[in-house]
Protein backbone atom coordinates (compact mmCIF):
# COMPACT_ATOMS: atom_id res chain seq x y z
CA UNK A 1 6.11 -20.54 -11.65
CA UNK A 2 3.83 -18.10 -12.82
CA UNK A 3 3.67 -14.27 -13.68
CA UNK A 4 0.62 -12.05 -13.14
CA UNK A 5 0.94 -8.87 -14.51
CA UNK A 6 -1.92 -6.47 -12.86
CA UNK A 7 -3.03 -3.20 -14.27
CA UNK A 8 -4.35 -1.20 -11.15
CA UNK A 9 -6.14 1.93 -10.91
CA UNK A 10 -6.88 3.91 -7.70
CA UNK A 11 -10.34 4.16 -6.46
CA UNK A 12 -9.74 6.39 -3.47
CA UNK A 13 -6.76 8.62 -2.81
CA UNK A 14 -3.61 7.14 -1.46
CA UNK A 15 -1.38 8.27 1.22
CA UNK A 16 1.85 7.20 2.26
CA UNK A 17 3.40 7.39 5.86
CA UNK A 18 7.00 6.47 5.40
CA UNK A 19 9.11 6.83 8.72
CA UNK A 20 12.04 9.49 8.64
CA UNK A 21 14.41 10.92 10.78
CA UNK A 22 15.11 14.21 9.42
CA UNK A 23 17.18 16.44 11.79
CA UNK A 24 15.34 19.17 13.73
CA UNK A 25 17.22 22.31 13.08
CA UNK A 26 18.68 24.50 15.95
CA UNK A 27 15.71 26.42 17.67
CA UNK A 28 13.08 24.80 14.95
CA UNK A 29 9.40 24.64 16.60
CA UNK A 30 7.72 21.41 16.31
CA UNK A 31 5.32 23.04 13.91
CA UNK A 32 8.22 24.65 11.59
CA UNK A 33 9.61 20.90 11.62
CA UNK A 34 6.49 19.28 10.45
CA UNK A 35 6.00 21.80 7.55
CA UNK A 36 9.47 21.46 6.32
CA UNK A 37 9.80 17.70 6.38
CA UNK A 38 6.12 16.23 5.74
CA UNK A 39 7.05 15.19 2.17
CA UNK A 40 9.79 13.01 3.80
CA UNK A 41 6.91 10.63 4.28
CA UNK A 42 6.82 9.82 0.79
CA UNK A 43 8.79 6.94 -1.03
CA UNK A 44 10.71 8.83 -3.52
CA UNK A 45 12.96 7.20 -6.19
CA UNK A 46 16.62 8.68 -5.60
CA UNK A 47 17.45 8.76 -9.50
CA UNK A 48 14.19 10.17 -10.85
CA UNK A 49 13.07 11.86 -7.71
CA UNK A 50 9.45 10.39 -8.70
CA UNK A 51 7.38 8.74 -6.14
CA UNK A 52 6.63 5.20 -5.80
CA UNK A 53 4.34 2.62 -4.53
CA UNK A 54 6.45 0.04 -2.65
CA UNK A 55 6.39 -3.64 -3.88
CA UNK A 56 5.76 -4.92 -0.45
CA UNK A 57 2.50 -3.01 -0.46
CA UNK A 58 0.73 -5.11 -2.91
CA UNK A 59 2.56 -8.42 -1.21
CA UNK A 60 1.51 -7.45 2.21
CA UNK A 61 -2.18 -6.45 0.85
CA UNK A 62 -2.54 -10.18 -1.01
CA UNK A 63 -1.26 -11.83 2.30
CA UNK A 64 -3.75 -9.81 4.28
CA UNK A 65 -6.78 -10.63 2.07
CA UNK A 66 -6.00 -14.34 2.15
CA UNK A 67 -6.36 -14.15 5.79
CA UNK A 68 -9.50 -12.01 5.65
CA UNK A 69 -11.05 -14.14 3.09
CA UNK A 70 -9.70 -17.68 4.45
CA UNK A 71 -10.79 -19.20 0.92
CA UNK A 72 -10.84 -22.92 1.19
CA UNK A 73 -8.87 -24.83 -1.27
CA UNK A 74 -11.18 -27.25 -3.06
CA UNK A 75 -10.89 -31.18 -1.91
CA UNK A 76 -8.59 -30.07 1.03
CA UNK A 77 -11.26 -29.88 3.83
CA UNK A 78 -10.57 -26.94 5.75
CA UNK A 79 -7.11 -25.78 4.27
CA UNK A 80 -7.15 -22.24 3.00
CA UNK A 81 -4.80 -20.60 0.37
CA UNK A 82 -3.40 -18.18 3.42
CA UNK A 83 -0.09 -20.02 3.52
CA UNK A 84 0.31 -20.24 -0.27
CA UNK A 85 -0.17 -16.54 -0.59
CA UNK A 86 2.09 -15.44 2.31
CA UNK A 87 5.26 -17.78 1.26
CA UNK A 88 4.42 -18.47 -2.58
CA UNK A 89 3.74 -14.96 -4.09
CA UNK A 90 6.32 -11.91 -4.43
CA UNK A 91 6.15 -8.51 -5.67
CA UNK A 92 9.70 -7.44 -6.73
CA UNK A 93 8.94 -4.25 -8.61
CA UNK A 94 7.85 -0.86 -7.27
CA UNK A 95 5.24 1.13 -9.37
CA UNK A 96 6.91 4.25 -10.26
CA UNK A 97 4.28 7.17 -10.55
CA UNK A 98 4.66 9.92 -12.77
CA UNK A 99 4.54 12.32 -9.97
CA UNK A 100 7.67 14.50 -8.47
CA UNK A 101 7.61 14.54 -4.56
CA UNK A 102 7.12 18.53 -4.84
CA UNK A 103 3.77 18.17 -6.65
CA UNK A 104 2.22 15.96 -4.13
CA UNK A 105 -0.23 17.80 -1.69
CA UNK A 106 -0.29 17.58 1.92
CA UNK A 107 -3.34 16.94 4.32
CA UNK A 108 -3.10 18.15 7.90
CA UNK A 109 -4.78 15.92 10.54
CA UNK A 110 -4.91 16.31 14.33
CA UNK A 111 -3.29 12.73 15.00
CA UNK A 112 -2.33 10.69 18.13
CA UNK A 113 1.17 12.00 18.85
CA UNK A 114 2.70 8.35 19.17
CA UNK A 115 0.38 6.92 16.39
CA UNK A 116 -1.72 4.68 18.68
CA UNK A 117 -5.43 5.27 18.19
CA UNK A 118 -7.16 6.21 21.27
CA UNK A 119 -4.31 7.82 22.69
CA UNK A 120 -5.22 11.17 24.47
CA UNK A 121 -2.49 13.37 23.34
CA UNK A 122 -2.88 14.81 19.77
CA UNK A 123 -0.65 16.53 17.38
CA UNK A 124 -1.00 18.29 13.91
CA UNK A 125 0.51 16.39 11.17
CA UNK A 126 0.92 16.62 7.42
CA UNK A 127 0.44 13.45 5.30
CA UNK A 128 1.03 13.31 1.70
CA UNK A 129 -2.40 12.45 -0.39
CA UNK A 130 -2.05 11.52 -3.96
CA UNK A 131 -5.74 11.93 -5.46
CA UNK A 132 -5.27 9.34 -8.17
CA UNK A 133 -3.02 6.70 -9.61
CA UNK A 134 -2.64 3.83 -11.51
CA UNK A 135 0.42 1.32 -12.88
CA UNK A 136 1.31 -2.11 -13.49
CA UNK A 137 2.11 -4.42 -10.76
CA UNK A 138 4.06 -7.66 -11.53
CA UNK A 139 3.62 -10.65 -9.08
CA UNK A 140 5.46 -13.77 -9.37
CA UNK A 141 3.47 -16.97 -8.02
CA UNK A 142 5.73 -19.56 -7.08
CA UNK A 143 3.26 -21.55 -5.65
CA UNK A 144 1.40 -23.90 -8.02
CA UNK A 145 -1.53 -24.47 -5.86
CA UNK A 146 -2.71 -20.64 -6.59
CA UNK A 147 -4.48 -20.55 -10.20
CA UNK A 148 -5.32 -17.62 -12.25
CA UNK A 149 -9.11 -17.42 -10.98
CA UNK A 150 -7.92 -17.65 -7.40
CA UNK A 151 -5.18 -15.27 -7.84
CA UNK A 152 -7.90 -12.71 -9.47
CA UNK A 153 -10.49 -13.00 -6.87
CA UNK A 154 -7.89 -12.32 -4.30
CA UNK A 155 -6.52 -9.49 -5.74
CA UNK A 156 -9.93 -7.78 -6.61
CA UNK A 157 -10.96 -8.25 -3.06
CA UNK A 158 -7.59 -6.99 -1.76
CA UNK A 159 -8.41 -3.56 -3.50
CA UNK A 160 -11.93 -3.26 -2.12
CA UNK A 161 -11.37 -4.62 1.60
CA UNK A 162 -7.49 -4.26 2.38
CA UNK A 163 -5.84 -1.53 0.11
CA UNK A 164 -2.60 0.09 0.30
CA UNK A 165 -1.04 2.89 2.43
CA UNK A 166 -1.89 4.88 5.21
CA UNK A 167 -5.58 5.03 6.22
CA UNK A 168 -6.48 1.96 4.41
CA UNK A 169 -9.66 -0.02 4.87
CA UNK A 170 -7.73 -2.61 6.84
CA UNK A 171 -6.90 0.24 9.34
CA UNK A 172 -10.31 1.51 9.33
CA UNK A 173 -9.82 4.04 6.99
CA UNK A 174 -10.97 4.16 3.40
CA UNK A 175 -7.66 5.51 1.24
CA UNK A 176 -5.87 3.16 -0.95
CA UNK A 177 -8.74 1.41 -2.60
CA UNK A 178 -8.09 0.13 -6.23
CA UNK A 179 -9.61 -1.52 -9.19
CA UNK A 180 -7.99 -4.65 -11.26
CA UNK A 181 -8.55 -3.20 -14.80
CA UNK A 182 -6.72 -6.17 -16.49
CA UNK A 183 -4.71 -9.40 -15.36
CA UNK A 184 -2.07 -11.26 -17.55
CA UNK A 185 -1.34 -14.50 -16.44
CA UNK A 186 1.86 -16.46 -18.02
């Protein structure tokens, strides 16, 4: 088992879109509801009130890049690292940002009402937008097949081609890109 501690830094803004079920107030319009509740889309630490990036954002980012790259394992024919990243890498801790939910600005967009691209009906929604972020992400690499160089390459490419959050490159957007500033491999 190895531990990879990566210092990551945003290249583009980051946006979250956590689902929420805030109650609608009596006689509250859809627009007023959206204005009141849009910050509910943020992941917020209940104890500190700080915004955080969920660990699964990074875990899923790595799994997606492994599929995307389909990098072959040396000496193993057509076998790739995909299953090794999917089952053999964990990210247990969230990245707590030094940012309170109240300080996050919103971005109003005219989006499909059901979230499906190409759907004809559109509505105005406000999404949180974090201009810059950086943090340390700890990965536990259980699969010994994954070397430091392979992990580093995947993480770099994940930041460029997959990203994290809403409107990330993997979903035809450009938010959520990041760079790997440093990687410790223990």
